[in-house]
Amino acid sequence: MRHGKKVNHLGRQAGHRKAMLANMACSLIEHKRINTTVAKAKALKQFVEPLVTKSKTDDTHNRRIVFTYLRNKYAVTELFREVAPKVGDRPGGYTRIIKLGNRLGDNAEMAMIELVDFNELYNAGKKEVKKATTRRGRKKAEPKADQPVAEVETSEETKETNE
């Protein structure tokens, strides 16, 4: 029985598991979405969400804590510069897992894990779209086709007089 054991070991020893989750987290931060198995996606969600919460307050201490987990300074920079401002007002739930079906080779259940605020398809309806304002005044009167345009005639007349 596995009562009270929160960590899914994923069939790996601790060092391998931590390195794999760190690499997957760096890829998720860099690409904003990755495809993996459902079990790894759930483990990655538990790994990444506290790091995103830490990135909301940008100070040296939090950067160093996040760096001990990710071990990639480019991912840490991306997390604090790009990801944290977008999720600053969100109280949690920074990632979304979408199941994709089974893998052909070994029939493993696949999923896509993504950062929630970086998906334009789901967030398109939630953004406030400004309506096009209508004009209250009339358009300026355009010359009709029957009337000759005065500007064209005057410009031709001035050309003739200059010659």
N, C-alpha and C. Protein backbone atom coordinates (compact mmCIF):
# COMPACT_ATOMS: atom_id res chain seq x y z
N MET A 1 0.83 -1.19 0.00
CA MET A 1 0.00 0.00 0.00
C MET A 1 0.87 1.24 0.00
N ARG A 2 0.35 2.30 -0.62
CA ARG A 2 1.13 3.54 -0.69
C ARG A 2 0.38 4.69 -0.02
N HIS A 3 -0.13 4.46 1.17
CA HIS A 3 -0.87 5.50 1.88
C HIS A 3 0.05 6.66 2.22
N GLY A 4 -0.39 7.87 1.90
CA GLY A 4 0.35 9.07 2.31
C GLY A 4 1.61 9.34 1.51
N LYS A 5 1.84 8.61 0.41
CA LYS A 5 3.04 8.83 -0.39
C LYS A 5 2.64 9.66 -1.61
N LYS A 6 3.02 10.93 -1.60
CA LYS A 6 2.58 11.85 -2.64
C LYS A 6 3.40 11.74 -3.93
N VAL A 7 4.67 11.37 -3.84
CA VAL A 7 5.57 11.44 -4.98
C VAL A 7 5.41 10.19 -5.85
N ASN A 8 5.17 10.42 -7.13
CA ASN A 8 5.18 9.32 -8.09
C ASN A 8 6.63 9.11 -8.51
N HIS A 9 7.17 7.93 -8.24
CA HIS A 9 8.59 7.70 -8.49
C HIS A 9 8.90 7.49 -9.97
N LEU A 10 7.88 7.26 -10.79
CA LEU A 10 8.03 7.14 -12.24
C LEU A 10 9.03 6.05 -12.64
N GLY A 11 9.24 5.06 -11.79
CA GLY A 11 10.15 3.96 -12.12
C GLY A 11 11.60 4.38 -12.20
N ARG A 12 11.98 5.43 -11.50
CA ARG A 12 13.35 5.95 -11.57
C ARG A 12 13.87 6.19 -10.16
N GLN A 13 15.20 6.21 -10.05
CA GLN A 13 15.80 6.57 -8.77
C GLN A 13 15.75 8.08 -8.61
N ALA A 14 16.00 8.54 -7.38
CA ALA A 14 15.76 9.95 -7.05
C ALA A 14 16.56 10.90 -7.92
N GLY A 15 17.84 10.62 -8.14
CA GLY A 15 18.66 11.53 -8.93
C GLY A 15 18.19 11.63 -10.37
N HIS A 16 17.86 10.49 -10.96
CA HIS A 16 17.37 10.48 -12.34
C HIS A 16 16.03 11.21 -12.44
N ARG A 17 15.15 10.99 -11.47
CA ARG A 17 13.84 11.61 -11.47
C ARG A 17 13.95 13.13 -11.35
N LYS A 18 14.81 13.61 -10.46
CA LYS A 18 14.98 15.06 -10.29
C LYS A 18 15.57 15.71 -11.53
N ALA A 19 16.54 15.04 -12.15
CA ALA A 19 17.15 15.58 -13.37
C ALA A 19 16.13 15.61 -14.51
N MET A 20 15.33 14.55 -14.63
CA MET A 20 14.32 14.51 -15.68
C MET A 20 13.28 15.60 -15.50
N LEU A 21 12.79 15.78 -14.28
CA LEU A 21 11.80 16.82 -14.02
C LEU A 21 12.38 18.22 -14.24
N ALA A 22 13.65 18.41 -13.89
CA ALA A 22 14.28 19.71 -14.13
C ALA A 22 14.38 19.99 -15.62
N ASN A 23 14.77 18.98 -16.41
CA ASN A 23 14.86 19.17 -17.86
C ASN A 23 13.50 19.43 -18.48
N MET A 24 12.49 18.69 -18.02
CA MET A 24 11.14 18.90 -18.56
C MET A 24 10.61 20.27 -18.18
N ALA A 25 10.92 20.72 -16.97
CA ALA A 25 10.47 22.04 -16.54
C ALA A 25 11.14 23.14 -17.36
N CYS A 26 12.42 22.98 -17.66
CA CYS A 26 13.12 23.96 -18.50
C CYS A 26 12.50 24.00 -19.90
N SER A 27 12.17 22.84 -20.45
CA SER A 27 11.54 22.79 -21.76
C SER A 27 10.16 23.43 -21.73
N LEU A 28 9.41 23.19 -20.66
CA LEU A 28 8.08 23.78 -20.54
C LEU A 28 8.16 25.30 -20.45
N ILE A 29 9.11 25.80 -19.71
CA ILE A 29 9.26 27.25 -19.57
C ILE A 29 9.71 27.87 -20.88
N GLU A 30 10.59 27.19 -21.58
CA GLU A 30 11.12 27.73 -22.84
C GLU A 30 10.08 27.68 -23.96
N HIS A 31 9.39 26.54 -24.12
CA HIS A 31 8.47 26.34 -25.25
C HIS A 31 7.01 26.61 -24.90
N LYS A 32 6.69 26.79 -23.63
CA LYS A 32 5.36 27.07 -23.12
C LYS A 32 4.40 25.87 -23.19
N ARG A 33 4.76 24.79 -23.88
CA ARG A 33 3.97 23.55 -23.88
C ARG A 33 4.84 22.40 -24.37
N ILE A 34 4.61 21.22 -23.78
CA ILE A 34 5.35 20.03 -24.20
C ILE A 34 4.40 18.84 -24.20
N ASN A 35 4.73 17.83 -24.97
CA ASN A 35 3.99 16.57 -25.00
C ASN A 35 4.77 15.53 -24.22
N THR A 36 4.06 14.79 -23.37
CA THR A 36 4.69 13.75 -22.55
C THR A 36 3.60 12.78 -22.10
N THR A 37 3.96 11.82 -21.27
CA THR A 37 2.96 10.90 -20.76
C THR A 37 2.16 11.58 -19.65
N VAL A 38 0.99 11.04 -19.35
CA VAL A 38 0.12 11.65 -18.35
C VAL A 38 0.78 11.62 -16.97
N ALA A 39 1.44 10.50 -16.63
CA ALA A 39 2.08 10.38 -15.31
C ALA A 39 3.19 11.41 -15.15
N LYS A 40 4.01 11.58 -16.20
CA LYS A 40 5.08 12.57 -16.13
C LYS A 40 4.51 13.99 -16.10
N ALA A 41 3.43 14.22 -16.81
CA ALA A 41 2.81 15.56 -16.80
C ALA A 41 2.29 15.91 -15.42
N LYS A 42 1.68 14.94 -14.74
CA LYS A 42 1.17 15.20 -13.40
C LYS A 42 2.31 15.45 -12.41
N ALA A 43 3.40 14.69 -12.56
CA ALA A 43 4.56 14.90 -11.69
C ALA A 43 5.19 16.26 -11.98
N LEU A 44 5.24 16.64 -13.27
CA LEU A 44 5.82 17.93 -13.66
C LEU A 44 4.98 19.08 -13.14
N LYS A 45 3.69 18.92 -13.12
CA LYS A 45 2.80 19.97 -12.60
C LYS A 45 3.12 20.26 -11.14
N GLN A 46 3.31 19.21 -10.35
CA GLN A 46 3.66 19.40 -8.94
C GLN A 46 5.04 20.01 -8.79
N PHE A 47 5.92 19.78 -9.75
CA PHE A 47 7.28 20.29 -9.69
C PHE A 47 7.34 21.77 -10.08
N VAL A 48 6.58 22.15 -11.11
CA VAL A 48 6.70 23.49 -11.70
C VAL A 48 5.89 24.55 -10.96
N GLU A 49 4.71 24.20 -10.50
CA GLU A 49 3.81 25.21 -9.94
C GLU A 49 4.42 25.97 -8.75
N PRO A 50 5.11 25.32 -7.81
CA PRO A 50 5.75 26.11 -6.75
C PRO A 50 6.85 27.03 -7.27
N LEU A 51 7.52 26.63 -8.34
CA LEU A 51 8.57 27.48 -8.91
C LEU A 51 7.97 28.73 -9.55
N VAL A 52 6.83 28.58 -10.21
CA VAL A 52 6.16 29.74 -10.80
C VAL A 52 5.67 30.67 -9.70
N THR A 53 5.19 30.11 -8.61
CA THR A 53 4.77 30.94 -7.47
C THR A 53 5.96 31.72 -6.92
N LYS A 54 7.12 31.07 -6.83
CA LYS A 54 8.32 31.76 -6.34
C LYS A 54 8.71 32.90 -7.29
N SER A 55 8.49 32.71 -8.58
CA SER A 55 8.93 33.70 -9.55
C SER A 55 8.10 34.97 -9.52
N LYS A 56 6.98 34.97 -8.81
CA LYS A 56 6.15 36.18 -8.74
C LYS A 56 6.87 37.32 -8.04
N THR A 57 7.66 36.99 -7.04
CA THR A 57 8.46 38.03 -6.37
C THR A 57 9.89 37.91 -6.86
N ASP A 58 10.33 38.89 -7.61
CA ASP A 58 11.63 38.84 -8.25
C ASP A 58 12.69 39.42 -7.32
N ASP A 59 13.36 38.55 -6.58
CA ASP A 59 14.50 38.97 -5.79
C ASP A 59 15.57 37.89 -5.87
N THR A 60 16.74 38.21 -5.40
CA THR A 60 17.89 37.31 -5.56
C THR A 60 17.65 35.98 -4.86
N HIS A 61 17.04 36.01 -3.70
CA HIS A 61 16.83 34.78 -2.94
C HIS A 61 15.94 33.81 -3.72
N ASN A 62 14.83 34.32 -4.26
CA ASN A 62 13.93 33.44 -5.02
C ASN A 62 14.57 32.94 -6.30
N ARG A 63 15.38 33.77 -6.94
CA ARG A 63 16.08 33.32 -8.15
C ARG A 63 17.04 32.18 -7.82
N ARG A 64 17.72 32.26 -6.70
CA ARG A 64 18.66 31.21 -6.32
C ARG A 64 17.93 29.92 -5.95
N ILE A 65 16.80 30.05 -5.28
CA ILE A 65 16.02 28.85 -4.94
C ILE A 65 15.55 28.15 -6.21
N VAL A 66 15.01 28.92 -7.15
CA VAL A 66 14.52 28.34 -8.41
C VAL A 66 15.68 27.73 -9.19
N PHE A 67 16.84 28.38 -9.15
CA PHE A 67 18.00 27.85 -9.88
C PHE A 67 18.45 26.50 -9.33
N THR A 68 18.30 26.28 -8.01
CA THR A 68 18.69 24.98 -7.45
C THR A 68 17.82 23.85 -8.00
N TYR A 69 16.57 24.18 -8.37
CA TYR A 69 15.70 23.16 -8.95
C TYR A 69 15.92 22.99 -10.45
N LEU A 70 16.00 24.10 -11.17
CA LEU A 70 16.05 24.03 -12.64
C LEU A 70 17.46 23.79 -13.18
N ARG A 71 18.47 24.35 -12.54
CA ARG A 71 19.88 24.20 -12.95
C ARG A 71 20.12 24.69 -14.38
N ASN A 72 19.40 25.74 -14.78
CA ASN A 72 19.55 26.32 -16.11
C ASN A 72 19.25 27.81 -16.00
N LYS A 73 20.31 28.63 -16.16
CA LYS A 73 20.11 30.06 -15.91
C LYS A 73 19.23 30.72 -16.97
N TYR A 74 19.20 30.17 -18.18
CA TYR A 74 18.35 30.74 -19.22
C TYR A 74 16.87 30.49 -18.91
N ALA A 75 16.57 29.31 -18.39
CA ALA A 75 15.20 29.01 -18.01
C ALA A 75 14.76 29.87 -16.82
N VAL A 76 15.66 30.10 -15.88
CA VAL A 76 15.35 30.94 -14.73
C VAL A 76 15.06 32.37 -15.20
N THR A 77 15.88 32.87 -16.11
CA THR A 77 15.68 34.22 -16.63
C THR A 77 14.35 34.33 -17.36
N GLU A 78 14.05 33.34 -18.18
CA GLU A 78 12.78 33.32 -18.92
C GLU A 78 11.59 33.27 -17.95
N LEU A 79 11.72 32.46 -16.90
CA LEU A 79 10.65 32.33 -15.93
C LEU A 79 10.38 33.65 -15.22
N PHE A 80 11.41 34.34 -14.81
CA PHE A 80 11.22 35.57 -14.06
C PHE A 80 10.87 36.76 -14.96
N ARG A 81 11.33 36.77 -16.21
CA ARG A 81 11.07 37.91 -17.11
C ARG A 81 9.76 37.78 -17.87
N GLU A 82 9.47 36.61 -18.42
CA GLU A 82 8.33 36.45 -19.33
C GLU A 82 7.12 35.83 -18.63
N VAL A 83 7.36 34.75 -17.89
CA VAL A 83 6.23 33.99 -17.35
C VAL A 83 5.63 34.69 -16.13
N ALA A 84 6.45 35.15 -15.21
CA ALA A 84 5.96 35.72 -13.96
C ALA A 84 5.05 36.94 -14.16
N PRO A 85 5.38 37.89 -15.05
CA PRO A 85 4.45 39.03 -15.22
C PRO A 85 3.08 38.61 -15.75
N LYS A 86 3.03 37.58 -16.58
CA LYS A 86 1.73 37.15 -17.12
C LYS A 86 0.87 36.46 -16.08
N VAL A 87 1.48 35.77 -15.13
CA VAL A 87 0.71 35.03 -14.13
C VAL A 87 0.67 35.76 -12.80
N GLY A 88 1.06 37.01 -12.76
CA GLY A 88 1.17 37.75 -11.51
C GLY A 88 -0.12 37.84 -10.73
N ASP A 89 -1.26 37.96 -11.41
CA ASP A 89 -2.52 38.12 -10.71
C ASP A 89 -3.24 36.79 -10.49
N ARG A 90 -2.72 35.70 -11.02
CA ARG A 90 -3.37 34.40 -10.90
C ARG A 90 -3.00 33.76 -9.56
N PRO A 91 -3.98 33.26 -8.80
CA PRO A 91 -3.67 32.69 -7.48
C PRO A 91 -3.13 31.28 -7.49
N GLY A 92 -3.02 30.65 -8.64
CA GLY A 92 -2.51 29.29 -8.73
C GLY A 92 -3.01 28.67 -10.02
N GLY A 93 -2.69 27.42 -10.24
CA GLY A 93 -3.16 26.75 -11.45
C GLY A 93 -2.51 27.30 -12.69
N TYR A 94 -1.19 27.29 -12.73
CA TYR A 94 -0.46 27.91 -13.84
C TYR A 94 -0.32 26.98 -15.04
N THR A 95 -0.58 25.69 -14.86
CA THR A 95 -0.42 24.74 -15.95
C THR A 95 -1.74 24.03 -16.23
N ARG A 96 -1.86 23.52 -17.44
CA ARG A 96 -3.05 22.79 -17.87
C ARG A 96 -2.58 21.50 -18.53
N ILE A 97 -3.23 20.38 -18.20
CA ILE A 97 -2.91 19.09 -18.81
C ILE A 97 -4.07 18.70 -19.71
N ILE A 98 -3.77 18.46 -20.99
CA ILE A 98 -4.77 18.05 -21.96
C ILE A 98 -4.39 16.66 -22.46
N LYS A 99 -5.27 15.69 -22.30
CA LYS A 99 -4.97 14.31 -22.72
C LYS A 99 -5.11 14.20 -24.23
N LEU A 100 -4.16 13.50 -24.85
CA LEU A 100 -4.08 13.43 -26.30
C LEU A 100 -4.42 12.07 -26.88
N GLY A 101 -4.52 11.05 -26.07
CA GLY A 101 -4.75 9.71 -26.59
C GLY A 101 -3.57 8.83 -26.26
N ASN A 102 -3.46 7.69 -26.94
CA ASN A 102 -2.41 6.73 -26.63
C ASN A 102 -1.31 6.77 -27.68
N ARG A 103 -0.08 6.52 -27.23
CA ARG A 103 1.08 6.48 -28.12
C ARG A 103 1.05 5.19 -28.92
N LEU A 104 1.46 5.27 -30.18
CA LEU A 104 1.40 4.11 -31.06
C LEU A 104 2.33 2.98 -30.62
N GLY A 105 3.53 3.29 -30.21
CA GLY A 105 4.52 2.25 -29.94
C GLY A 105 4.17 1.36 -28.76
N ASP A 106 3.88 1.98 -27.62
CA ASP A 106 3.66 1.19 -26.40
C ASP A 106 2.30 1.44 -25.76
N ASN A 107 1.42 2.17 -26.45
CA ASN A 107 0.07 2.45 -25.98
C ASN A 107 0.05 3.23 -24.67
N ALA A 108 1.09 4.03 -24.43
CA ALA A 108 1.13 4.86 -23.22
C ALA A 108 0.18 6.04 -23.41
N GLU A 109 -0.48 6.43 -22.33
CA GLU A 109 -1.42 7.54 -22.38
C GLU A 109 -0.64 8.85 -22.46
N MET A 110 -0.85 9.63 -23.51
CA MET A 110 -0.09 10.86 -23.75
C MET A 110 -0.91 12.08 -23.35
N ALA A 111 -0.19 13.15 -23.03
CA ALA A 111 -0.84 14.40 -22.66
C ALA A 111 0.04 15.56 -23.07
N MET A 112 -0.59 16.71 -23.22
CA MET A 112 0.13 17.96 -23.47
C MET A 112 -0.02 18.80 -22.21
N ILE A 113 1.10 19.26 -21.67
CA ILE A 113 1.07 20.15 -20.52
C ILE A 113 1.53 21.52 -21.01
N GLU A 114 0.80 22.56 -20.63
CA GLU A 114 1.10 23.90 -21.13
C GLU A 114 0.90 24.93 -20.03
N LEU A 115 1.55 26.06 -20.19
CA LEU A 115 1.33 27.19 -19.30
C LEU A 115 0.03 27.86 -19.72
N VAL A 116 -0.85 28.09 -18.77
CA VAL A 116 -2.21 28.50 -19.07
C VAL A 116 -2.28 29.85 -19.77
N ASP A 117 -1.55 30.83 -19.31
CA ASP A 117 -1.68 32.19 -19.85
C ASP A 117 -1.03 32.37 -21.20
N PHE A 118 -0.35 31.37 -21.72
CA PHE A 118 0.33 31.52 -23.00
C PHE A 118 -0.43 30.84 -24.14
N ASN A 119 -1.62 30.36 -23.90
CA ASN A 119 -2.42 29.74 -24.95
C ASN A 119 -3.39 30.77 -25.49
N GLU A 120 -3.21 31.18 -26.75
CA GLU A 120 -4.04 32.23 -27.33
C GLU A 120 -5.44 31.72 -27.67
N LEU A 121 -5.59 30.40 -27.93
CA LEU A 121 -6.89 29.87 -28.32
C LEU A 121 -7.88 29.93 -27.16
N TYR A 122 -7.47 29.49 -25.99
CA TYR A 122 -8.38 29.48 -24.85
C TYR A 122 -8.57 30.88 -24.28
N ASN A 123 -7.56 31.73 -24.36
CA ASN A 123 -7.65 33.05 -23.76
C ASN A 123 -8.25 34.08 -24.68
N ALA A 124 -8.55 33.73 -25.93
CA ALA A 124 -9.08 34.71 -26.89
C ALA A 124 -10.44 35.23 -26.45
N GLY A 125 -11.30 34.37 -25.95
CA GLY A 125 -12.63 34.80 -25.55
C GLY A 125 -12.64 35.59 -24.25
N LYS A 126 -11.62 35.43 -23.44
CA LYS A 126 -11.59 36.06 -22.13
C LYS A 126 -11.06 37.49 -22.17
N LYS A 127 -10.33 37.83 -23.21
CA LYS A 127 -9.79 39.18 -23.30
C LYS A 127 -10.90 40.16 -23.62
N GLU A 128 -10.77 41.35 -23.10
CA GLU A 128 -11.77 42.37 -23.37
C GLU A 128 -11.47 42.99 -24.73
N VAL A 129 -12.39 42.79 -25.65
CA VAL A 129 -12.22 43.31 -27.00
C VAL A 129 -12.98 44.62 -27.09
N LYS A 130 -12.31 45.68 -27.53
CA LYS A 130 -12.95 46.97 -27.65
C LYS A 130 -13.82 46.98 -28.91
N LYS A 131 -15.03 47.50 -28.75
CA LYS A 131 -15.92 47.60 -29.90
C LYS A 131 -15.51 48.80 -30.74
N ALA A 132 -15.74 48.69 -32.04
CA ALA A 132 -15.45 49.80 -32.93
C ALA A 132 -16.48 50.89 -32.68
N THR A 133 -16.01 52.09 -32.40
CA THR A 133 -16.93 53.18 -32.11
C THR A 133 -17.54 53.69 -33.40
N THR A 134 -18.82 54.03 -33.34
CA THR A 134 -19.48 54.56 -34.52
C THR A 134 -19.42 56.07 -34.48
N ARG A 135 -19.32 56.67 -35.65
CA ARG A 135 -19.28 58.13 -35.73
C ARG A 135 -20.69 58.68 -35.61
N ARG A 136 -20.80 59.79 -34.94
CA ARG A 136 -22.11 60.41 -34.79
C ARG A 136 -22.35 61.47 -35.86
N GLY A 137 -21.28 61.99 -36.43
CA GLY A 137 -21.44 63.03 -37.46
C GLY A 137 -21.57 62.42 -38.84
N ARG A 138 -21.89 63.27 -39.80
CA ARG A 138 -22.02 62.80 -41.17
C ARG A 138 -20.66 62.79 -41.84
N LYS A 139 -20.56 61.97 -42.88
CA LYS A 139 -19.35 61.99 -43.68
C LYS A 139 -19.34 63.26 -44.50
N LYS A 140 -18.16 63.66 -44.90
CA LYS A 140 -18.06 64.84 -45.76
C LYS A 140 -18.63 64.49 -47.12
N ALA A 141 -19.29 65.47 -47.72
CA ALA A 141 -19.94 65.24 -49.00
C ALA A 141 -18.90 64.99 -50.08
N GLU A 142 -19.04 63.86 -50.76
CA GLU A 142 -18.12 63.54 -51.85
C GLU A 142 -18.71 64.06 -53.15
N PRO A 143 -17.86 64.47 -54.09
CA PRO A 143 -18.40 64.96 -55.37
C PRO A 143 -19.03 63.82 -56.15
N LYS A 144 -20.16 64.10 -56.76
CA LYS A 144 -20.87 63.08 -57.52
C LYS A 144 -20.17 62.84 -58.85
N ALA A 145 -20.50 61.75 -59.50
CA ALA A 145 -19.87 61.39 -60.76
C ALA A 145 -20.26 62.36 -61.88
N ASP A 146 -21.46 62.96 -61.77
CA ASP A 146 -21.90 63.90 -62.80
C ASP A 146 -21.10 65.20 -62.76
N GLN A 147 -20.70 65.63 -61.55
CA GLN A 147 -19.99 66.89 -61.43
C GLN A 147 -18.51 66.69 -61.71
N PRO A 148 -17.91 67.59 -62.49
CA PRO A 148 -16.46 67.48 -62.71
C PRO A 148 -15.71 67.89 -61.45
N VAL A 149 -14.62 67.25 -61.23
CA VAL A 149 -13.81 67.54 -60.05
C VAL A 149 -13.04 68.81 -60.32
N ALA A 150 -13.15 69.79 -59.42
CA ALA A 150 -12.55 71.10 -59.63
C ALA A 150 -11.04 71.05 -59.51
N GLU A 151 -10.52 70.20 -58.62
CA GLU A 151 -9.07 70.18 -58.40
C GLU A 151 -8.32 69.71 -59.64
N VAL A 152 -8.85 68.72 -60.32
CA VAL A 152 -8.18 68.18 -61.49
C VAL A 152 -8.14 69.23 -62.59
N GLU A 153 -9.25 69.95 -62.80
CA GLU A 153 -9.30 70.96 -63.85
C GLU A 153 -8.35 72.10 -63.55
N THR A 154 -8.29 72.53 -62.31
CA THR A 154 -7.43 73.66 -61.99
C THR A 154 -5.97 73.27 -62.13
N SER A 155 -5.63 72.06 -61.81
CA SER A 155 -4.23 71.67 -61.94
C SER A 155 -3.84 71.58 -63.40
N GLU A 156 -4.77 71.15 -64.28
CA GLU A 156 -4.46 71.11 -65.70
C GLU A 156 -4.34 72.52 -66.27
N GLU A 157 -5.19 73.42 -65.79
CA GLU A 157 -5.15 74.80 -66.28
C GLU A 157 -3.85 75.48 -65.85
N THR A 158 -3.39 75.18 -64.63
CA THR A 158 -2.15 75.82 -64.18
C THR A 158 -0.96 75.29 -64.96
N LYS A 159 -1.01 74.05 -65.39
CA LYS A 159 0.08 73.51 -66.19
C LYS A 159 0.15 74.22 -67.53
N GLU A 160 -1.04 74.47 -68.15
CA GLU A 160 -1.08 75.15 -69.44
C GLU A 160 -0.60 76.57 -69.33
N THR A 161 -0.94 77.24 -68.27
CA THR A 161 -0.53 78.64 -68.11
C THR A 161 0.96 78.74 -67.82
N ASN A 162 1.55 77.75 -67.17
CA ASN A 162 2.98 77.78 -66.87
C ASN A 162 3.81 77.57 -68.12
N GLU A 163 3.27 76.93 -69.12
CA GLU A 163 4.05 76.63 -70.34
C GLU A 163 4.07 77.78 -71.24
